[in-house]
Amino acid sequence: MNNNEICEHINGITSIKQPTAHVCEECVKTHSRWVHLRTCQTCGATLCCDSSPNKHATKHYHATQHPVVISAEPGENWLWCYKDEMMAEYR
């Protein structure tokens, strides 16, 4: 995929923010569980995915308009833009 096929939000990422811990920050507060984790590329928050009961990453996007997350799962190297509904891989 070349940069012309990637949205401006993903193209604007110059360095990847990695998770500081492998937990959903919001689920920990409420003693909830999560399935997979995503890390916001604007603020670095690590939150649970839409397969998780609380869908904190999507709620974070709607509350903040921070458009891009990465998978925080080991071995996965992709970004997702909520605004443009676009995915891209990174190395």
N, C-alpha and C. Protein backbone atom coordinates (compact mmCIF):
# COMPACT_ATOMS: atom_id res chain seq x y z
N MET A 1 0.85 -1.17 0.00
CA MET A 1 0.00 0.00 0.00
C MET A 1 0.89 1.23 0.00
N ASN A 2 0.66 2.14 -0.93
CA ASN A 2 1.48 3.35 -0.90
C ASN A 2 0.78 4.44 -0.10
N ASN A 3 1.51 5.48 0.25
CA ASN A 3 0.98 6.53 1.11
C ASN A 3 -0.21 7.26 0.53
N ASN A 4 -0.38 7.24 -0.79
CA ASN A 4 -1.53 7.90 -1.41
C ASN A 4 -2.83 7.15 -1.14
N GLU A 5 -2.72 5.88 -0.77
CA GLU A 5 -3.90 5.06 -0.50
C GLU A 5 -4.26 5.04 0.99
N ILE A 6 -3.48 5.74 1.81
CA ILE A 6 -3.69 5.75 3.25
C ILE A 6 -4.24 7.12 3.66
N CYS A 7 -5.14 7.14 4.60
CA CYS A 7 -5.77 8.39 5.02
C CYS A 7 -4.76 9.33 5.67
N GLU A 8 -5.12 10.60 5.73
CA GLU A 8 -4.23 11.63 6.29
C GLU A 8 -3.92 11.39 7.77
N HIS A 9 -4.85 10.76 8.50
CA HIS A 9 -4.63 10.53 9.93
C HIS A 9 -3.53 9.49 10.15
N ILE A 10 -3.59 8.41 9.38
CA ILE A 10 -2.54 7.38 9.48
C ILE A 10 -1.24 7.92 8.90
N ASN A 11 -1.31 8.63 7.79
CA ASN A 11 -0.10 9.23 7.21
C ASN A 11 0.57 10.20 8.17
N GLY A 12 -0.19 10.81 9.06
CA GLY A 12 0.35 11.77 10.00
C GLY A 12 1.09 11.16 11.18
N ILE A 13 1.03 9.84 11.34
CA ILE A 13 1.73 9.17 12.44
C ILE A 13 3.21 9.10 12.08
N THR A 14 4.04 9.73 12.89
CA THR A 14 5.48 9.73 12.61
C THR A 14 6.24 8.73 13.48
N SER A 15 5.71 8.41 14.65
CA SER A 15 6.30 7.36 15.48
C SER A 15 5.16 6.67 16.24
N ILE A 16 5.29 5.37 16.40
CA ILE A 16 4.25 4.56 17.01
C ILE A 16 4.35 4.63 18.53
N LYS A 17 3.23 4.96 19.18
CA LYS A 17 3.13 4.92 20.63
C LYS A 17 2.78 3.49 21.03
N GLN A 18 3.67 2.83 21.74
CA GLN A 18 3.44 1.46 22.19
C GLN A 18 2.75 1.48 23.55
N PRO A 19 2.01 0.43 23.90
CA PRO A 19 1.37 0.38 25.22
C PRO A 19 2.42 0.33 26.33
N THR A 20 2.12 0.97 27.45
CA THR A 20 3.03 0.92 28.59
C THR A 20 2.74 -0.29 29.47
N ALA A 21 1.51 -0.81 29.38
CA ALA A 21 1.12 -2.02 30.11
C ALA A 21 0.09 -2.75 29.26
N HIS A 22 0.01 -4.06 29.41
CA HIS A 22 -0.93 -4.85 28.62
C HIS A 22 -2.25 -5.02 29.38
N VAL A 23 -2.90 -3.88 29.65
CA VAL A 23 -4.20 -3.87 30.34
C VAL A 23 -5.05 -2.75 29.76
N CYS A 24 -6.36 -2.90 29.84
CA CYS A 24 -7.27 -1.80 29.50
C CYS A 24 -7.35 -0.88 30.71
N GLU A 25 -6.92 0.35 30.54
CA GLU A 25 -6.89 1.30 31.65
C GLU A 25 -8.25 1.50 32.29
N GLU A 26 -9.31 1.50 31.50
CA GLU A 26 -10.67 1.72 32.03
C GLU A 26 -11.24 0.45 32.65
N CYS A 27 -10.99 -0.70 32.05
CA CYS A 27 -11.49 -1.96 32.63
C CYS A 27 -10.87 -2.22 34.00
N VAL A 28 -9.61 -1.88 34.17
CA VAL A 28 -8.95 -2.06 35.46
C VAL A 28 -9.70 -1.29 36.54
N LYS A 29 -10.12 -0.07 36.22
CA LYS A 29 -10.83 0.78 37.19
C LYS A 29 -12.15 0.16 37.65
N THR A 30 -12.81 -0.58 36.75
CA THR A 30 -14.14 -1.13 37.06
C THR A 30 -14.11 -2.65 37.27
N HIS A 31 -12.90 -3.23 37.30
CA HIS A 31 -12.74 -4.68 37.48
C HIS A 31 -13.47 -5.45 36.38
N SER A 32 -13.45 -4.91 35.17
CA SER A 32 -14.05 -5.57 34.01
C SER A 32 -13.00 -6.38 33.27
N ARG A 33 -13.43 -7.10 32.27
CA ARG A 33 -12.51 -7.92 31.47
C ARG A 33 -12.44 -7.35 30.05
N TRP A 34 -11.41 -7.73 29.33
CA TRP A 34 -11.24 -7.30 27.95
C TRP A 34 -10.79 -8.48 27.12
N VAL A 35 -10.93 -8.35 25.78
CA VAL A 35 -10.53 -9.40 24.86
C VAL A 35 -9.19 -9.02 24.22
N HIS A 36 -9.16 -7.90 23.50
CA HIS A 36 -7.95 -7.41 22.85
C HIS A 36 -7.77 -5.94 23.21
N LEU A 37 -6.56 -5.44 23.00
CA LEU A 37 -6.25 -4.07 23.38
C LEU A 37 -5.81 -3.23 22.19
N ARG A 38 -6.10 -1.94 22.26
CA ARG A 38 -5.72 -0.96 21.26
C ARG A 38 -5.05 0.21 21.97
N THR A 39 -4.05 0.81 21.33
CA THR A 39 -3.37 1.97 21.91
C THR A 39 -3.59 3.19 21.02
N CYS A 40 -4.12 4.24 21.62
CA CYS A 40 -4.39 5.50 20.93
C CYS A 40 -3.07 6.13 20.50
N GLN A 41 -3.00 6.56 19.25
CA GLN A 41 -1.78 7.16 18.74
C GLN A 41 -1.73 8.67 18.96
N THR A 42 -2.76 9.24 19.55
CA THR A 42 -2.73 10.65 19.92
C THR A 42 -2.24 10.81 21.35
N CYS A 43 -2.84 10.06 22.28
CA CYS A 43 -2.53 10.26 23.70
C CYS A 43 -1.84 9.07 24.37
N GLY A 44 -1.80 7.91 23.71
CA GLY A 44 -1.13 6.74 24.28
C GLY A 44 -1.98 5.88 25.19
N ALA A 45 -3.27 6.20 25.35
CA ALA A 45 -4.14 5.38 26.20
C ALA A 45 -4.29 3.99 25.60
N THR A 46 -4.23 2.96 26.44
CA THR A 46 -4.46 1.58 25.99
C THR A 46 -5.80 1.14 26.54
N LEU A 47 -6.68 0.74 25.60
CA LEU A 47 -8.08 0.45 25.94
C LEU A 47 -8.55 -0.78 25.18
N CYS A 48 -9.70 -1.32 25.58
CA CYS A 48 -10.19 -2.57 25.01
C CYS A 48 -10.91 -2.37 23.67
N CYS A 49 -10.91 -3.44 22.88
CA CYS A 49 -11.47 -3.43 21.52
C CYS A 49 -12.99 -3.64 21.53
N ASP A 50 -13.58 -3.62 20.34
CA ASP A 50 -15.03 -3.79 20.21
C ASP A 50 -15.51 -5.22 20.48
N SER A 51 -14.62 -6.18 20.55
CA SER A 51 -15.01 -7.54 20.94
C SER A 51 -15.12 -7.65 22.46
N SER A 52 -14.65 -6.65 23.17
CA SER A 52 -14.72 -6.61 24.63
C SER A 52 -16.06 -6.02 25.06
N PRO A 53 -16.55 -6.40 26.24
CA PRO A 53 -17.88 -5.92 26.67
C PRO A 53 -18.02 -4.39 26.72
N ASN A 54 -16.96 -3.68 27.11
CA ASN A 54 -17.09 -2.24 27.30
C ASN A 54 -16.66 -1.37 26.12
N LYS A 55 -15.96 -1.94 25.15
CA LYS A 55 -15.56 -1.23 23.93
C LYS A 55 -14.93 0.14 24.22
N HIS A 56 -14.01 0.17 25.17
CA HIS A 56 -13.44 1.44 25.62
C HIS A 56 -12.67 2.19 24.54
N ALA A 57 -12.00 1.50 23.62
CA ALA A 57 -11.23 2.20 22.58
C ALA A 57 -12.17 3.01 21.68
N THR A 58 -13.27 2.42 21.27
CA THR A 58 -14.24 3.14 20.43
C THR A 58 -14.89 4.28 21.21
N LYS A 59 -15.21 4.04 22.47
CA LYS A 59 -15.77 5.11 23.30
C LYS A 59 -14.78 6.26 23.43
N HIS A 60 -13.50 5.93 23.55
CA HIS A 60 -12.45 6.95 23.64
C HIS A 60 -12.43 7.80 22.36
N TYR A 61 -12.53 7.14 21.21
CA TYR A 61 -12.56 7.88 19.94
C TYR A 61 -13.75 8.84 19.91
N HIS A 62 -14.93 8.37 20.27
CA HIS A 62 -16.12 9.23 20.23
C HIS A 62 -16.02 10.39 21.22
N ALA A 63 -15.38 10.17 22.35
CA ALA A 63 -15.25 11.23 23.36
C ALA A 63 -14.16 12.24 23.02
N THR A 64 -13.09 11.80 22.36
CA THR A 64 -11.92 12.65 22.15
C THR A 64 -11.67 13.03 20.69
N GLN A 65 -12.22 12.25 19.76
CA GLN A 65 -11.94 12.39 18.33
C GLN A 65 -10.48 12.07 17.99
N HIS A 66 -9.79 11.29 18.84
CA HIS A 66 -8.46 10.79 18.51
C HIS A 66 -8.65 9.67 17.50
N PRO A 67 -8.25 9.85 16.24
CA PRO A 67 -8.69 8.93 15.18
C PRO A 67 -7.96 7.61 15.04
N VAL A 68 -6.68 7.52 15.43
CA VAL A 68 -5.89 6.33 15.08
C VAL A 68 -5.46 5.55 16.32
N VAL A 69 -5.62 4.23 16.22
CA VAL A 69 -5.13 3.30 17.24
C VAL A 69 -4.26 2.26 16.56
N ILE A 70 -3.41 1.61 17.37
CA ILE A 70 -2.72 0.42 16.90
C ILE A 70 -3.26 -0.76 17.69
N SER A 71 -3.08 -1.95 17.16
CA SER A 71 -3.31 -3.14 17.96
C SER A 71 -2.21 -3.19 19.00
N ALA A 72 -2.59 -3.39 20.25
CA ALA A 72 -1.60 -3.53 21.32
C ALA A 72 -1.29 -5.00 21.58
N GLU A 73 -1.73 -5.86 20.69
CA GLU A 73 -1.49 -7.29 20.84
C GLU A 73 -0.11 -7.65 20.32
N PRO A 74 0.65 -8.45 21.06
CA PRO A 74 1.99 -8.86 20.62
C PRO A 74 1.95 -9.50 19.24
N GLY A 75 2.87 -9.10 18.38
CA GLY A 75 2.98 -9.67 17.04
C GLY A 75 2.07 -9.05 16.00
N GLU A 76 1.17 -8.16 16.39
CA GLU A 76 0.29 -7.49 15.44
C GLU A 76 0.83 -6.09 15.17
N ASN A 77 0.95 -5.73 13.90
CA ASN A 77 1.53 -4.45 13.50
C ASN A 77 0.60 -3.70 12.56
N TRP A 78 -0.55 -3.30 13.07
CA TRP A 78 -1.48 -2.55 12.23
C TRP A 78 -2.06 -1.36 12.97
N LEU A 79 -2.47 -0.38 12.16
CA LEU A 79 -3.13 0.83 12.65
C LEU A 79 -4.55 0.83 12.10
N TRP A 80 -5.46 1.45 12.84
CA TRP A 80 -6.85 1.60 12.41
C TRP A 80 -7.25 3.06 12.60
N CYS A 81 -7.84 3.64 11.57
CA CYS A 81 -8.37 4.99 11.67
C CYS A 81 -9.88 4.89 11.81
N TYR A 82 -10.39 5.31 12.96
CA TYR A 82 -11.84 5.29 13.19
C TYR A 82 -12.57 6.22 12.24
N LYS A 83 -12.03 7.41 12.04
CA LYS A 83 -12.72 8.42 11.22
C LYS A 83 -12.90 7.96 9.79
N ASP A 84 -11.84 7.42 9.19
CA ASP A 84 -11.89 7.01 7.79
C ASP A 84 -12.12 5.51 7.60
N GLU A 85 -12.26 4.78 8.71
CA GLU A 85 -12.45 3.33 8.66
C GLU A 85 -11.43 2.67 7.73
N MET A 86 -10.16 2.94 8.02
CA MET A 86 -9.07 2.45 7.19
C MET A 86 -8.02 1.78 8.06
N MET A 87 -7.46 0.71 7.55
CA MET A 87 -6.41 -0.03 8.25
C MET A 87 -5.14 0.01 7.42
N ALA A 88 -4.01 0.02 8.10
CA ALA A 88 -2.71 -0.05 7.43
C ALA A 88 -1.74 -0.80 8.33
N GLU A 89 -0.77 -1.44 7.72
CA GLU A 89 0.27 -2.12 8.48
C GLU A 89 1.45 -1.18 8.66
N TYR A 90 2.23 -1.42 9.71
CA TYR A 90 3.47 -0.68 9.92
C TYR A 90 4.55 -1.67 10.30
N ARG A 91 5.77 -1.22 10.19
CA ARG A 91 6.92 -2.08 10.56
C ARG A 91 7.66 -1.50 11.71
